[in-house]
Each structure stands twice: as C-alpha cells, then as structure tokens.
Amino acid sequence: MSARGPLPFDPIARAAELWSERVGPSTTMAAVTSVMRVQQILQSAVDNALRPHNLTFARYEALVLLTFSRRGSLPMRVMGDRLQLHPTSVTNIVDRLEHDKLVRRVPHPTDRRTTLVEIT
C-alpha cells in the first residue's frame, strides 16, 4: 500500500474503462486484475508479519513444510519438488535458515548422496 494514501479513483475500474475504450469488453481483464491486486495486498500483509522474524515468504514456506513433515526433516530435493523451486533456490533458503539456526543439515541415514534439512 502507498504511504501517500488512497487514490482518488478505483484503479481497476479506470483500467476497465480504458480497456473497454481501446480493446473491447473488459470483464475478464477486470476480474484478473482484481484477483492479482488482492494477491498483492495479501502478500504485503504477510511480508509485514514475517519481517520482524527475519523471514521471507519463501523461508516461511520451507519452515512450514518441515513442520508438517512426519519427522521434521526432508531431503533438499523433496523440498524443492514440493515448493516448486530450483535446487539453487532451495540451497539459498536453507543457507539463510541455517544461518539463523532455524534448521540444520544432517546426513541421510541410508543414502550418502542425500542431505536432509531438519527443523530445529
């Protein structure tokens, strides 16, 4: 949300007007724009709630995923699959969480090639 206060007009309604003038019926565009705006508002509220805990949404998601796992740990590959993230992103997230002592890396008990991430 802007620190300058609310706009003197509804930006979605204005975008719908312009779309209708220039392209045609705007109901689909207005619906999609409204949903995306709601997502932005919710994301901003979540970011504000997580900031005091030094968490990003991605790190929060990783912690929740580990919390809901059966043993409080998962292989990094599984975390990436479930969070739909590239392995480099998972490594970065785990690095930051490990730095903050919220998780630790532990060897897999039966697979030497696999590292588990365990919530502390």
N, C-alpha and C. Protein backbone atom coordinates (compact mmCIF):
# COMPACT_ATOMS: atom_id res chain seq x y z
N MET A 1 0.84 -1.17 0.00
CA MET A 1 0.00 0.00 0.00
C MET A 1 0.89 1.24 0.00
N SER A 2 0.43 2.26 -0.66
CA SER A 2 1.18 3.50 -0.77
C SER A 2 1.09 4.31 0.51
N ALA A 3 2.20 4.95 0.87
CA ALA A 3 2.20 5.81 2.06
C ALA A 3 1.50 7.13 1.77
N ARG A 4 1.21 7.39 0.51
CA ARG A 4 0.58 8.66 0.12
C ARG A 4 -0.93 8.66 0.31
N GLY A 5 -1.50 7.54 0.67
CA GLY A 5 -2.95 7.48 0.84
C GLY A 5 -3.63 6.91 -0.38
N PRO A 6 -4.93 6.72 -0.29
CA PRO A 6 -5.67 6.09 -1.38
C PRO A 6 -5.76 7.02 -2.60
N LEU A 7 -5.88 6.41 -3.74
CA LEU A 7 -6.06 7.16 -4.98
C LEU A 7 -7.47 7.76 -5.00
N PRO A 8 -7.65 8.85 -5.72
CA PRO A 8 -8.98 9.46 -5.79
C PRO A 8 -9.92 8.71 -6.74
N PHE A 9 -9.46 7.57 -7.25
CA PHE A 9 -10.28 6.77 -8.15
C PHE A 9 -9.92 5.30 -7.94
N ASP A 10 -10.78 4.41 -8.38
CA ASP A 10 -10.52 2.98 -8.31
C ASP A 10 -9.66 2.60 -9.53
N PRO A 11 -8.40 2.18 -9.31
CA PRO A 11 -7.53 1.90 -10.45
C PRO A 11 -8.03 0.75 -11.32
N ILE A 12 -8.71 -0.20 -10.73
CA ILE A 12 -9.22 -1.32 -11.53
C ILE A 12 -10.38 -0.86 -12.40
N ALA A 13 -11.26 -0.04 -11.83
CA ALA A 13 -12.37 0.50 -12.63
C ALA A 13 -11.84 1.37 -13.76
N ARG A 14 -10.81 2.17 -13.46
CA ARG A 14 -10.22 3.03 -14.51
C ARG A 14 -9.58 2.18 -15.60
N ALA A 15 -8.86 1.13 -15.21
CA ALA A 15 -8.24 0.25 -16.20
C ALA A 15 -9.32 -0.42 -17.06
N ALA A 16 -10.45 -0.80 -16.44
CA ALA A 16 -11.54 -1.42 -17.19
C ALA A 16 -12.13 -0.44 -18.20
N GLU A 17 -12.27 0.83 -17.78
CA GLU A 17 -12.77 1.85 -18.71
C GLU A 17 -11.84 1.98 -19.92
N LEU A 18 -10.56 2.12 -19.65
CA LEU A 18 -9.58 2.28 -20.73
C LEU A 18 -9.55 1.05 -21.63
N TRP A 19 -9.62 -0.14 -21.01
CA TRP A 19 -9.61 -1.37 -21.79
C TRP A 19 -10.83 -1.40 -22.72
N SER A 20 -12.01 -1.07 -22.16
CA SER A 20 -13.23 -1.07 -22.96
C SER A 20 -13.14 -0.09 -24.13
N GLU A 21 -12.59 1.09 -23.87
CA GLU A 21 -12.44 2.10 -24.93
C GLU A 21 -11.50 1.63 -26.03
N ARG A 22 -10.43 0.97 -25.65
CA ARG A 22 -9.36 0.66 -26.61
C ARG A 22 -9.41 -0.75 -27.18
N VAL A 23 -9.96 -1.71 -26.41
CA VAL A 23 -9.87 -3.11 -26.84
C VAL A 23 -11.24 -3.74 -27.02
N GLY A 24 -12.14 -3.54 -26.07
CA GLY A 24 -13.45 -4.18 -26.12
C GLY A 24 -13.90 -4.53 -24.72
N PRO A 25 -14.83 -5.49 -24.59
CA PRO A 25 -15.35 -5.85 -23.27
C PRO A 25 -14.22 -6.14 -22.27
N SER A 26 -14.41 -5.63 -21.05
CA SER A 26 -13.32 -5.67 -20.08
C SER A 26 -13.58 -6.56 -18.87
N THR A 27 -14.64 -7.33 -18.87
CA THR A 27 -14.99 -8.08 -17.66
C THR A 27 -13.90 -9.07 -17.27
N THR A 28 -13.34 -9.79 -18.21
CA THR A 28 -12.28 -10.75 -17.88
C THR A 28 -11.04 -10.04 -17.38
N MET A 29 -10.64 -8.98 -18.06
CA MET A 29 -9.46 -8.21 -17.64
C MET A 29 -9.66 -7.65 -16.25
N ALA A 30 -10.84 -7.13 -15.95
CA ALA A 30 -11.11 -6.55 -14.64
C ALA A 30 -11.07 -7.64 -13.56
N ALA A 31 -11.60 -8.81 -13.85
CA ALA A 31 -11.59 -9.91 -12.88
C ALA A 31 -10.16 -10.35 -12.58
N VAL A 32 -9.37 -10.55 -13.62
CA VAL A 32 -7.98 -10.97 -13.43
C VAL A 32 -7.20 -9.90 -12.67
N THR A 33 -7.38 -8.65 -13.04
CA THR A 33 -6.68 -7.56 -12.37
C THR A 33 -7.09 -7.49 -10.90
N SER A 34 -8.35 -7.68 -10.60
CA SER A 34 -8.82 -7.67 -9.22
C SER A 34 -8.19 -8.79 -8.40
N VAL A 35 -8.15 -9.99 -8.96
CA VAL A 35 -7.53 -11.11 -8.26
C VAL A 35 -6.06 -10.84 -8.01
N MET A 36 -5.37 -10.31 -9.00
CA MET A 36 -3.94 -10.02 -8.84
C MET A 36 -3.72 -8.93 -7.79
N ARG A 37 -4.59 -7.97 -7.73
CA ARG A 37 -4.47 -6.90 -6.73
C ARG A 37 -4.68 -7.45 -5.33
N VAL A 38 -5.66 -8.32 -5.16
CA VAL A 38 -5.88 -8.95 -3.86
C VAL A 38 -4.64 -9.73 -3.45
N GLN A 39 -4.02 -10.43 -4.40
CA GLN A 39 -2.81 -11.18 -4.11
C GLN A 39 -1.70 -10.24 -3.63
N GLN A 40 -1.56 -9.09 -4.26
CA GLN A 40 -0.54 -8.12 -3.85
C GLN A 40 -0.80 -7.61 -2.43
N ILE A 41 -2.05 -7.33 -2.12
CA ILE A 41 -2.41 -6.83 -0.79
C ILE A 41 -2.12 -7.89 0.27
N LEU A 42 -2.51 -9.14 -0.01
CA LEU A 42 -2.25 -10.23 0.94
C LEU A 42 -0.75 -10.48 1.11
N GLN A 43 -0.01 -10.46 0.00
CA GLN A 43 1.43 -10.68 0.07
C GLN A 43 2.11 -9.60 0.89
N SER A 44 1.67 -8.37 0.73
CA SER A 44 2.23 -7.27 1.52
C SER A 44 1.95 -7.47 3.01
N ALA A 45 0.75 -7.90 3.35
CA ALA A 45 0.40 -8.13 4.75
C ALA A 45 1.24 -9.28 5.33
N VAL A 46 1.41 -10.34 4.56
CA VAL A 46 2.23 -11.47 5.01
C VAL A 46 3.68 -11.04 5.19
N ASP A 47 4.22 -10.31 4.21
CA ASP A 47 5.60 -9.82 4.31
C ASP A 47 5.79 -8.97 5.57
N ASN A 48 4.84 -8.10 5.85
CA ASN A 48 4.92 -7.25 7.05
C ASN A 48 4.88 -8.08 8.33
N ALA A 49 4.09 -9.15 8.33
CA ALA A 49 4.00 -10.01 9.52
C ALA A 49 5.28 -10.83 9.71
N LEU A 50 5.94 -11.22 8.62
CA LEU A 50 7.14 -12.05 8.71
C LEU A 50 8.41 -11.25 8.96
N ARG A 51 8.43 -10.01 8.54
CA ARG A 51 9.64 -9.17 8.63
C ARG A 51 10.25 -9.13 10.04
N PRO A 52 9.45 -8.94 11.12
CA PRO A 52 10.06 -8.90 12.46
C PRO A 52 10.76 -10.20 12.86
N HIS A 53 10.43 -11.29 12.17
CA HIS A 53 11.03 -12.59 12.48
C HIS A 53 12.19 -12.91 11.53
N ASN A 54 12.59 -11.92 10.73
CA ASN A 54 13.67 -12.09 9.76
C ASN A 54 13.38 -13.21 8.77
N LEU A 55 12.11 -13.32 8.38
CA LEU A 55 11.70 -14.35 7.44
C LEU A 55 11.14 -13.72 6.17
N THR A 56 11.44 -14.37 5.06
CA THR A 56 10.75 -14.06 3.82
C THR A 56 9.64 -15.09 3.66
N PHE A 57 8.78 -14.89 2.69
CA PHE A 57 7.71 -15.86 2.47
C PHE A 57 8.29 -17.21 2.09
N ALA A 58 9.35 -17.21 1.28
CA ALA A 58 9.98 -18.47 0.86
C ALA A 58 10.54 -19.24 2.06
N ARG A 59 11.20 -18.54 2.97
CA ARG A 59 11.74 -19.20 4.16
C ARG A 59 10.62 -19.69 5.07
N TYR A 60 9.56 -18.90 5.18
CA TYR A 60 8.39 -19.31 5.95
C TYR A 60 7.79 -20.59 5.39
N GLU A 61 7.63 -20.63 4.06
CA GLU A 61 7.08 -21.83 3.41
C GLU A 61 7.94 -23.05 3.70
N ALA A 62 9.26 -22.88 3.66
CA ALA A 62 10.17 -24.00 3.92
C ALA A 62 9.99 -24.49 5.36
N LEU A 63 9.89 -23.57 6.31
CA LEU A 63 9.70 -23.97 7.71
C LEU A 63 8.36 -24.69 7.91
N VAL A 64 7.33 -24.19 7.27
CA VAL A 64 6.01 -24.83 7.38
C VAL A 64 6.08 -26.24 6.78
N LEU A 65 6.72 -26.37 5.64
CA LEU A 65 6.86 -27.68 5.00
C LEU A 65 7.57 -28.66 5.94
N LEU A 66 8.64 -28.23 6.57
CA LEU A 66 9.37 -29.09 7.50
C LEU A 66 8.53 -29.40 8.74
N THR A 67 7.79 -28.41 9.22
CA THR A 67 6.93 -28.62 10.40
C THR A 67 5.88 -29.69 10.13
N PHE A 68 5.33 -29.70 8.92
CA PHE A 68 4.28 -30.64 8.59
C PHE A 68 4.81 -32.00 8.13
N SER A 69 6.12 -32.13 7.98
CA SER A 69 6.67 -33.43 7.59
C SER A 69 6.60 -34.39 8.77
N ARG A 70 6.61 -35.68 8.50
CA ARG A 70 6.47 -36.69 9.57
C ARG A 70 7.57 -36.61 10.61
N ARG A 71 8.80 -36.38 10.16
CA ARG A 71 9.94 -36.41 11.08
C ARG A 71 10.56 -35.04 11.34
N GLY A 72 9.99 -33.99 10.77
CA GLY A 72 10.58 -32.66 10.93
C GLY A 72 11.80 -32.46 10.05
N SER A 73 11.97 -33.34 9.08
CA SER A 73 13.09 -33.22 8.14
C SER A 73 12.69 -33.77 6.79
N LEU A 74 13.36 -33.25 5.76
CA LEU A 74 13.12 -33.70 4.39
C LEU A 74 14.41 -33.57 3.61
N PRO A 75 14.58 -34.40 2.58
CA PRO A 75 15.70 -34.19 1.67
C PRO A 75 15.51 -32.87 0.93
N MET A 76 16.62 -32.21 0.64
CA MET A 76 16.54 -30.92 -0.06
C MET A 76 15.82 -31.06 -1.39
N ARG A 77 16.06 -32.18 -2.10
CA ARG A 77 15.41 -32.41 -3.39
C ARG A 77 13.89 -32.45 -3.23
N VAL A 78 13.42 -33.10 -2.17
CA VAL A 78 11.98 -33.19 -1.91
C VAL A 78 11.42 -31.81 -1.58
N MET A 79 12.17 -31.03 -0.81
CA MET A 79 11.73 -29.67 -0.51
C MET A 79 11.55 -28.88 -1.80
N GLY A 80 12.52 -28.98 -2.69
CA GLY A 80 12.43 -28.27 -3.97
C GLY A 80 11.22 -28.71 -4.78
N ASP A 81 10.98 -30.02 -4.81
CA ASP A 81 9.82 -30.54 -5.56
C ASP A 81 8.52 -30.01 -4.97
N ARG A 82 8.40 -30.07 -3.66
CA ARG A 82 7.14 -29.68 -3.02
C ARG A 82 6.92 -28.17 -3.05
N LEU A 83 8.01 -27.40 -2.98
CA LEU A 83 7.88 -25.95 -3.04
C LEU A 83 7.95 -25.42 -4.47
N GLN A 84 8.19 -26.34 -5.41
CA GLN A 84 8.32 -26.00 -6.83
C GLN A 84 9.41 -24.95 -7.05
N LEU A 85 10.59 -25.25 -6.49
CA LEU A 85 11.73 -24.35 -6.58
C LEU A 85 12.92 -25.04 -7.22
N HIS A 86 13.75 -24.25 -7.87
CA HIS A 86 15.01 -24.72 -8.44
C HIS A 86 15.94 -25.11 -7.29
N PRO A 87 16.78 -26.13 -7.46
CA PRO A 87 17.70 -26.53 -6.39
C PRO A 87 18.55 -25.38 -5.84
N THR A 88 18.96 -24.45 -6.68
CA THR A 88 19.74 -23.31 -6.20
C THR A 88 18.94 -22.47 -5.22
N SER A 89 17.65 -22.29 -5.48
CA SER A 89 16.80 -21.52 -4.58
C SER A 89 16.63 -22.23 -3.25
N VAL A 90 16.48 -23.55 -3.28
CA VAL A 90 16.36 -24.31 -2.04
C VAL A 90 17.64 -24.17 -1.22
N THR A 91 18.78 -24.27 -1.87
CA THR A 91 20.06 -24.11 -1.18
C THR A 91 20.15 -22.75 -0.51
N ASN A 92 19.76 -21.72 -1.23
CA ASN A 92 19.81 -20.36 -0.69
C ASN A 92 18.90 -20.23 0.53
N ILE A 93 17.69 -20.74 0.42
CA ILE A 93 16.73 -20.67 1.54
C ILE A 93 17.27 -21.42 2.75
N VAL A 94 17.78 -22.63 2.52
CA VAL A 94 18.31 -23.43 3.63
C VAL A 94 19.54 -22.75 4.23
N ASP A 95 20.40 -22.16 3.40
CA ASP A 95 21.56 -21.43 3.92
C ASP A 95 21.12 -20.35 4.90
N ARG A 96 20.13 -19.58 4.52
CA ARG A 96 19.66 -18.47 5.38
C ARG A 96 19.01 -18.99 6.66
N LEU A 97 18.20 -20.03 6.53
CA LEU A 97 17.56 -20.61 7.71
C LEU A 97 18.59 -21.24 8.64
N GLU A 98 19.60 -21.86 8.05
CA GLU A 98 20.66 -22.47 8.86
C GLU A 98 21.47 -21.38 9.57
N HIS A 99 21.75 -20.30 8.87
CA HIS A 99 22.47 -19.18 9.48
C HIS A 99 21.72 -18.65 10.70
N ASP A 100 20.39 -18.62 10.61
CA ASP A 100 19.55 -18.15 11.71
C ASP A 100 19.24 -19.25 12.73
N LYS A 101 19.86 -20.41 12.54
CA LYS A 101 19.72 -21.56 13.45
C LYS A 101 18.28 -22.09 13.55
N LEU A 102 17.54 -21.95 12.46
CA LEU A 102 16.17 -22.47 12.42
C LEU A 102 16.11 -23.87 11.83
N VAL A 103 17.13 -24.24 11.06
CA VAL A 103 17.24 -25.59 10.51
C VAL A 103 18.71 -26.00 10.58
N ARG A 104 18.93 -27.29 10.36
CA ARG A 104 20.31 -27.78 10.22
C ARG A 104 20.31 -28.86 9.15
N ARG A 105 21.45 -28.99 8.50
CA ARG A 105 21.64 -30.05 7.52
C ARG A 105 22.20 -31.27 8.25
N VAL A 106 21.61 -32.42 7.93
CA VAL A 106 22.09 -33.67 8.53
C VAL A 106 22.21 -34.72 7.43
N PRO A 107 23.16 -35.64 7.57
CA PRO A 107 23.28 -36.69 6.57
C PRO A 107 22.07 -37.63 6.61
N HIS A 108 21.69 -38.11 5.46
CA HIS A 108 20.62 -39.10 5.38
C HIS A 108 21.15 -40.40 5.98
N PRO A 109 20.36 -41.10 6.78
CA PRO A 109 20.87 -42.29 7.46
C PRO A 109 21.22 -43.46 6.53
N THR A 110 20.59 -43.52 5.35
CA THR A 110 20.83 -44.67 4.47
C THR A 110 21.33 -44.30 3.08
N ASP A 111 21.32 -43.02 2.73
CA ASP A 111 21.73 -42.59 1.39
C ASP A 111 22.79 -41.50 1.53
N ARG A 112 24.04 -41.85 1.30
CA ARG A 112 25.14 -40.90 1.48
C ARG A 112 25.06 -39.72 0.51
N ARG A 113 24.31 -39.86 -0.56
CA ARG A 113 24.21 -38.77 -1.55
C ARG A 113 23.18 -37.73 -1.16
N THR A 114 22.39 -38.00 -0.15
CA THR A 114 21.27 -37.13 0.21
C THR A 114 21.53 -36.40 1.53
N THR A 115 21.22 -35.11 1.51
CA THR A 115 21.28 -34.29 2.73
C THR A 115 19.86 -33.98 3.15
N LEU A 116 19.60 -34.19 4.42
CA LEU A 116 18.30 -33.83 4.98
C LEU A 116 18.39 -32.44 5.59
N VAL A 117 17.28 -31.73 5.53
CA VAL A 117 17.14 -30.47 6.23
C VAL A 117 16.19 -30.74 7.38
N GLU A 118 16.63 -30.41 8.59
CA GLU A 118 15.87 -30.71 9.80
C GLU A 118 15.54 -29.41 10.52
N ILE A 119 14.29 -29.25 10.89
CA ILE A 119 13.90 -28.05 11.63
C ILE A 119 14.42 -28.17 13.06
N THR A 120 14.92 -27.07 13.58
CA THR A 120 15.44 -27.09 14.95
C THR A 120 14.36 -26.62 15.90
